[in-house]
Amino acid sequence: MPATDRVIPANAQNRYEVTRADLPLSCPMPGMSLWNSHPKVYLAVEAKGEATCPYCGAHYVLKG
């Protein structure tokens, strides 16, 4: 299922596993409900394989 077809609750978890199909990575991700979230910020997860959102503290880990 493409990343944009998934419905993901915004700010509901502290850790999200993402794949290269989710790049470029933003928080909130496409498919997350935006009405109760923060402004979109792009995260450079490729360099270290992980990144943390400065707004909500969500931690993203690049898998594969």
PDB file of N, CA and C in Angstrom:
ATOM      1  N   MET A   1       0.847  -1.185   0.000  1.00  0.00           N
ATOM      2  CA  MET A   1       0.000   0.000   0.000  1.00  0.00           C
ATOM      3  C   MET A   1       0.887   1.240   0.000  1.00  0.00           C
ATOM      4  N   PRO A   2       0.705   2.165  -0.909  1.00  0.00           N
ATOM      5  CA  PRO A   2       1.515   3.394  -0.924  1.00  0.00           C
ATOM      6  C   PRO A   2       1.378   4.174   0.374  1.00  0.00           C
ATOM      7  N   ALA A   3       2.441   4.870   0.734  1.00  0.00           N
ATOM      8  CA  ALA A   3       2.458   5.618   2.000  1.00  0.00           C
ATOM      9  C   ALA A   3       1.314   6.605   2.101  1.00  0.00           C
ATOM     10  N   THR A   4       0.914   7.208   0.986  1.00  0.00           N
ATOM     11  CA  THR A   4      -0.133   8.225   1.046  1.00  0.00           C
ATOM     12  C   THR A   4      -1.523   7.617   1.205  1.00  0.00           C
ATOM     13  N   ASP A   5      -1.659   6.281   1.039  1.00  0.00           N
ATOM     14  CA  ASP A   5      -2.956   5.633   1.200  1.00  0.00           C
ATOM     15  C   ASP A   5      -3.212   5.170   2.624  1.00  0.00           C
ATOM     16  N   ARG A   6      -2.181   5.191   3.450  1.00  0.00           N
ATOM     17  CA  ARG A   6      -2.340   4.754   4.833  1.00  0.00           C
ATOM     18  C   ARG A   6      -2.883   5.895   5.690  1.00  0.00           C
ATOM     19  N   VAL A   7      -3.792   5.586   6.583  1.00  0.00           N
ATOM     20  CA  VAL A   7      -4.277   6.578   7.541  1.00  0.00           C
ATOM     21  C   VAL A   7      -3.494   6.359   8.826  1.00  0.00           C
ATOM     22  N   ILE A   8      -2.792   7.382   9.250  1.00  0.00           N
ATOM     23  CA  ILE A   8      -1.927   7.293  10.413  1.00  0.00           C
ATOM     24  C   ILE A   8      -2.374   8.349  11.415  1.00  0.00           C
ATOM     25  N   PRO A   9      -2.681   7.968  12.644  1.00  0.00           N
ATOM     26  CA  PRO A   9      -3.050   8.986  13.631  1.00  0.00           C
ATOM     27  C   PRO A   9      -1.877   9.921  13.915  1.00  0.00           C
ATOM     28  N   ALA A  10      -2.087  11.205  13.822  1.00  0.00           N
ATOM     29  CA  ALA A  10      -1.022  12.184  14.086  1.00  0.00           C
ATOM     30  C   ALA A  10      -0.714  12.245  15.573  1.00  0.00           C
ATOM     31  N   ASN A  11       0.567  12.355  15.873  1.00  0.00           N
ATOM     32  CA  ASN A  11       1.037  12.535  17.256  1.00  0.00           C
ATOM     33  C   ASN A  11       0.512  11.465  18.205  1.00  0.00           C
ATOM     34  N   ALA A  12       0.262  10.258  17.693  1.00  0.00           N
ATOM     35  CA  ALA A  12      -0.289   9.193  18.521  1.00  0.00           C
ATOM     36  C   ALA A  12       0.790   8.243  19.026  1.00  0.00           C
ATOM     37  N   GLN A  13       1.945   8.270  18.414  1.00  0.00           N
ATOM     38  CA  GLN A  13       3.037   7.404  18.815  1.00  0.00           C
ATOM     39  C   GLN A  13       4.279   8.253  19.037  1.00  0.00           C
ATOM     40  N   ASN A  14       5.247   7.664  19.701  1.00  0.00           N
ATOM     41  CA  ASN A  14       6.518   8.353  19.860  1.00  0.00           C
ATOM     42  C   ASN A  14       7.547   7.856  18.858  1.00  0.00           C
ATOM     43  N   ARG A  15       7.307   6.668  18.247  1.00  0.00           N
ATOM     44  CA  ARG A  15       8.269   6.079  17.317  1.00  0.00           C
ATOM     45  C   ARG A  15       7.538   5.554  16.086  1.00  0.00           C
ATOM     46  N   TYR A  16       8.039   5.929  14.919  1.00  0.00           N
ATOM     47  CA  TYR A  16       7.465   5.481  13.660  1.00  0.00           C
ATOM     48  C   TYR A  16       8.568   4.862  12.811  1.00  0.00           C
ATOM     49  N   GLU A  17       8.296   3.718  12.215  1.00  0.00           N
ATOM     50  CA  GLU A  17       9.222   3.128  11.259  1.00  0.00           C
ATOM     51  C   GLU A  17       8.782   3.556   9.869  1.00  0.00           C
ATOM     52  N   VAL A  18       9.720   4.074   9.085  1.00  0.00           N
ATOM     53  CA  VAL A  18       9.426   4.551   7.740  1.00  0.00           C
ATOM     54  C   VAL A  18      10.355   3.855   6.755  1.00  0.00           C
ATOM     55  N   THR A  19       9.981   3.872   5.479  1.00  0.00           N
ATOM     56  CA  THR A  19      10.806   3.284   4.432  1.00  0.00           C
ATOM     57  C   THR A  19      11.169   4.365   3.421  1.00  0.00           C
ATOM     58  N   ARG A  20      11.987   4.016   2.453  1.00  0.00           N
ATOM     59  CA  ARG A  20      12.377   4.968   1.411  1.00  0.00           C
ATOM     60  C   ARG A  20      11.162   5.446   0.619  1.00  0.00           C
ATOM     61  N   ALA A  21      10.095   4.653   0.587  1.00  0.00           N
ATOM     62  CA  ALA A  21       8.862   5.066  -0.101  1.00  0.00           C
ATOM     63  C   ALA A  21       8.213   6.263   0.597  1.00  0.00           C
ATOM     64  N   ASP A  22       8.541   6.504   1.864  1.00  0.00           N
ATOM     65  CA  ASP A  22       7.979   7.617   2.633  1.00  0.00           C
ATOM     66  C   ASP A  22       8.779   8.910   2.460  1.00  0.00           C
ATOM     67  N   LEU A  23       9.889   8.855   1.731  1.00  0.00           N
ATOM     68  CA  LEU A  23      10.744  10.029   1.555  1.00  0.00           C
ATOM     69  C   LEU A  23      10.213  10.930   0.452  1.00  0.00           C
ATOM     70  N   PRO A  24      10.367  12.239   0.528  1.00  0.00           N
ATOM     71  CA  PRO A  24      10.962  12.955   1.643  1.00  0.00           C
ATOM     72  C   PRO A  24      10.055  12.878   2.872  1.00  0.00           C
ATOM     73  N   LEU A  25      10.666  12.717   4.013  1.00  0.00           N
ATOM     74  CA  LEU A  25       9.935  12.521   5.262  1.00  0.00           C
ATOM     75  C   LEU A  25       9.501  13.851   5.854  1.00  0.00           C
ATOM     76  N   SER A  26       8.238  13.933   6.208  1.00  0.00           N
ATOM     77  CA  SER A  26       7.730  15.118   6.899  1.00  0.00           C
ATOM     78  C   SER A  26       6.929  14.680   8.111  1.00  0.00           C
ATOM     79  N   CYS A  27       6.871  15.537   9.088  1.00  0.00           N
ATOM     80  CA  CYS A  27       6.037  15.315  10.264  1.00  0.00           C
ATOM     81  C   CYS A  27       5.123  16.518  10.364  1.00  0.00           C
ATOM     82  N   PRO A  28       3.829  16.324  10.381  1.00  0.00           N
ATOM     83  CA  PRO A  28       3.134  15.057  10.235  1.00  0.00           C
ATOM     84  C   PRO A  28       3.287  14.494   8.827  1.00  0.00           C
ATOM     85  N   MET A  29       3.203  13.162   8.742  1.00  0.00           N
ATOM     86  CA  MET A  29       3.330  12.476   7.461  1.00  0.00           C
ATOM     87  C   MET A  29       2.041  12.596   6.667  1.00  0.00           C
ATOM     88  N   PRO A  30       2.136  12.454   5.326  1.00  0.00           N
ATOM     89  CA  PRO A  30       0.902  12.395   4.535  1.00  0.00           C
ATOM     90  C   PRO A  30       0.058  11.239   5.068  1.00  0.00           C
ATOM     91  N   GLY A  31      -1.210  11.414   5.166  1.00  0.00           N
ATOM     92  CA  GLY A  31      -2.069  10.375   5.714  1.00  0.00           C
ATOM     93  C   GLY A  31      -2.373  10.584   7.189  1.00  0.00           C
ATOM     94  N   MET A  32      -1.635  11.480   7.843  1.00  0.00           N
ATOM     95  CA  MET A  32      -1.935  11.795   9.242  1.00  0.00           C
ATOM     96  C   MET A  32      -2.986  12.896   9.263  1.00  0.00           C
ATOM     97  N   SER A  33      -3.864  12.810  10.206  1.00  0.00           N
ATOM     98  CA  SER A  33      -4.873  13.843  10.378  1.00  0.00           C
ATOM     99  C   SER A  33      -4.178  15.145  10.781  1.00  0.00           C
ATOM    100  N   LEU A  34      -4.413  16.201  10.040  1.00  0.00           N
ATOM    101  CA  LEU A  34      -3.701  17.453  10.285  1.00  0.00           C
ATOM    102  C   LEU A  34      -4.432  18.428  11.198  1.00  0.00           C
ATOM    103  N   TRP A  35      -5.703  18.210  11.440  1.00  0.00           N
ATOM    104  CA  TRP A  35      -6.468  19.204  12.198  1.00  0.00           C
ATOM    105  C   TRP A  35      -5.968  19.370  13.627  1.00  0.00           C
ATOM    106  N   ASN A  36      -5.328  18.327  14.182  1.00  0.00           N
ATOM    107  CA  ASN A  36      -4.885  18.435  15.570  1.00  0.00           C
ATOM    108  C   ASN A  36      -3.373  18.322  15.684  1.00  0.00           C
ATOM    109  N   SER A  37      -2.670  18.724  14.631  1.00  0.00           N
ATOM    110  CA  SER A  37      -1.229  18.551  14.612  1.00  0.00           C
ATOM    111  C   SER A  37      -0.513  19.895  14.527  1.00  0.00           C
ATOM    112  N   HIS A  38       0.792  19.835  14.412  1.00  0.00           N
ATOM    113  CA  HIS A  38       1.629  21.029  14.315  1.00  0.00           C
ATOM    114  C   HIS A  38       1.926  21.331  12.846  1.00  0.00           C
ATOM    115  N   PRO A  39       2.577  22.455  12.545  1.00  0.00           N
ATOM    116  CA  PRO A  39       2.948  22.751  11.153  1.00  0.00           C
ATOM    117  C   PRO A  39       3.870  21.668  10.599  1.00  0.00           C
ATOM    118  N   LYS A  40       3.787  21.443   9.281  1.00  0.00           N
ATOM    119  CA  LYS A  40       4.617  20.416   8.649  1.00  0.00           C
ATOM    120  C   LYS A  40       6.079  20.841   8.676  1.00  0.00           C
ATOM    121  N   VAL A  41       6.930  19.881   9.038  1.00  0.00           N
ATOM    122  CA  VAL A  41       8.374  20.084   9.038  1.00  0.00           C
ATOM    123  C   VAL A  41       8.999  18.877   8.338  1.00  0.00           C
ATOM    124  N   TYR A  42       9.991  19.124   7.496  1.00  0.00           N
ATOM    125  CA  TYR A  42      10.688  18.039   6.802  1.00  0.00           C
ATOM    126  C   TYR A  42      11.881  17.602   7.630  1.00  0.00           C
ATOM    127  N   LEU A  43      12.072  16.284   7.710  1.00  0.00           N
ATOM    128  CA  LEU A  43      13.125  15.703   8.538  1.00  0.00           C
ATOM    129  C   LEU A  43      14.131  14.960   7.662  1.00  0.00           C
ATOM    130  N   ALA A  44      15.414  15.196   7.883  1.00  0.00           N
ATOM    131  CA  ALA A  44      16.482  14.538   7.123  1.00  0.00           C
ATOM    132  C   ALA A  44      16.831  13.214   7.791  1.00  0.00           C
ATOM    133  N   VAL A  45      16.064  12.197   7.499  1.00  0.00           N
ATOM    134  CA  VAL A  45      16.249  10.890   8.116  1.00  0.00           C
ATOM    135  C   VAL A  45      17.313  10.059   7.380  1.00  0.00           C
ATOM    136  N   GLU A  46      17.628  10.403   6.141  1.00  0.00           N
ATOM    137  CA  GLU A  46      18.546   9.605   5.329  1.00  0.00           C
ATOM    138  C   GLU A  46      19.968   9.581   5.894  1.00  0.00           C
ATOM    139  N   ALA A  47      20.445  10.674   6.428  1.00  0.00           N
ATOM    140  CA  ALA A  47      21.842  10.788   6.852  1.00  0.00           C
ATOM    141  C   ALA A  47      22.206   9.805   7.972  1.00  0.00           C
ATOM    142  N   LYS A  48      21.405   9.756   9.013  1.00  0.00           N
ATOM    143  CA  LYS A  48      21.720   8.909  10.175  1.00  0.00           C
ATOM    144  C   LYS A  48      20.790   7.721  10.319  1.00  0.00           C
ATOM    145  N   GLY A  49      19.747   7.658   9.478  1.00  0.00           N
ATOM    146  CA  GLY A  49      18.801   6.545   9.587  1.00  0.00           C
ATOM    147  C   GLY A  49      17.725   6.784  10.618  1.00  0.00           C
ATOM    148  N   GLU A  50      17.737   7.955  11.228  1.00  0.00           N
ATOM    149  CA  GLU A  50      16.704   8.319  12.205  1.00  0.00           C
ATOM    150  C   GLU A  50      16.654   9.824  12.352  1.00  0.00           C
ATOM    151  N   ALA A  51      15.513  10.311  12.816  1.00  0.00           N
ATOM    152  CA  ALA A  51      15.325  11.746  13.031  1.00  0.00           C
ATOM    153  C   ALA A  51      14.204  11.947  14.037  1.00  0.00           C
ATOM    154  N   THR A  52      14.245  13.071  14.734  1.00  0.00           N
ATOM    155  CA  THR A  52      13.232  13.401  15.729  1.00  0.00           C
ATOM    156  C   THR A  52      12.586  14.726  15.362  1.00  0.00           C
ATOM    157  N   CYS A  53      11.260  14.767  15.425  1.00  0.00           N
ATOM    158  CA  CYS A  53      10.521  15.983  15.117  1.00  0.00           C
ATOM    159  C   CYS A  53      10.746  17.014  16.228  1.00  0.00           C
ATOM    160  N   PRO A  54      11.136  18.243  15.864  1.00  0.00           N
ATOM    161  CA  PRO A  54      11.348  19.269  16.881  1.00  0.00           C
ATOM    162  C   PRO A  54      10.057  19.779  17.515  1.00  0.00           C
ATOM    163  N   TYR A  55       8.916  19.543  16.875  1.00  0.00           N
ATOM    164  CA  TYR A  55       7.640  20.001  17.423  1.00  0.00           C
ATOM    165  C   TYR A  55       7.058  19.020  18.432  1.00  0.00           C
ATOM    166  N   CYS A  56       6.888  17.766  18.014  1.00  0.00           N
ATOM    167  CA  CYS A  56       6.154  16.816  18.862  1.00  0.00           C
ATOM    168  C   CYS A  56       7.041  15.727  19.462  1.00  0.00           C
ATOM    169  N   GLY A  57       8.300  15.665  19.046  1.00  0.00           N
ATOM    170  CA  GLY A  57       9.211  14.686  19.600  1.00  0.00           C
ATOM    171  C   GLY A  57       9.080  13.298  18.998  1.00  0.00           C
ATOM    172  N   ALA A  58       8.262  13.149  17.953  1.00  0.00           N
ATOM    173  CA  ALA A  58       8.121  11.837  17.308  1.00  0.00           C
ATOM    174  C   ALA A  58       9.465  11.424  16.746  1.00  0.00           C
ATOM    175  N   HIS A  59       9.814  10.167  16.960  1.00  0.00           N
ATOM    176  CA  HIS A  59      11.093   9.636  16.497  1.00  0.00           C
ATOM    177  C   HIS A  59      10.834   8.746  15.302  1.00  0.00           C
ATOM    178  N   TYR A  60      11.509   9.019  14.199  1.00  0.00           N
ATOM    179  CA  TYR A  60      11.355   8.271  12.959  1.00  0.00           C
ATOM    180  C   TYR A  60      12.613   7.463  12.698  1.00  0.00           C
ATOM    181  N   VAL A  61      12.428   6.181  12.350  1.00  0.00           N
ATOM    182  CA  VAL A  61      13.537   5.285  12.051  1.00  0.00           C
ATOM    183  C   VAL A  61      13.354   4.770  10.626  1.00  0.00           C
ATOM    184  N   LEU A  62      14.401   4.932   9.818  1.00  0.00           N
ATOM    185  CA  LEU A  62      14.368   4.484   8.432  1.00  0.00           C
ATOM    186  C   LEU A  62      14.700   3.003   8.378  1.00  0.00           C
ATOM    187  N   LYS A  63      13.779   2.209   7.867  1.00  0.00           N
ATOM    188  CA  LYS A  63      13.959   0.755   7.746  1.00  0.00           C
ATOM    189  C   LYS A  63      14.310   0.413   6.318  1.00  0.00           C
ATOM    190  N   GLY A  64      15.201  -0.561   6.149  1.00  0.00           N
ATOM    191  CA  GLY A  64      15.536  -1.076   4.819  1.00  0.00           C
ATOM    192  C   GLY A  64      16.429  -0.201   4.136  1.00  0.00           C
TER     193      GLY A  64
END
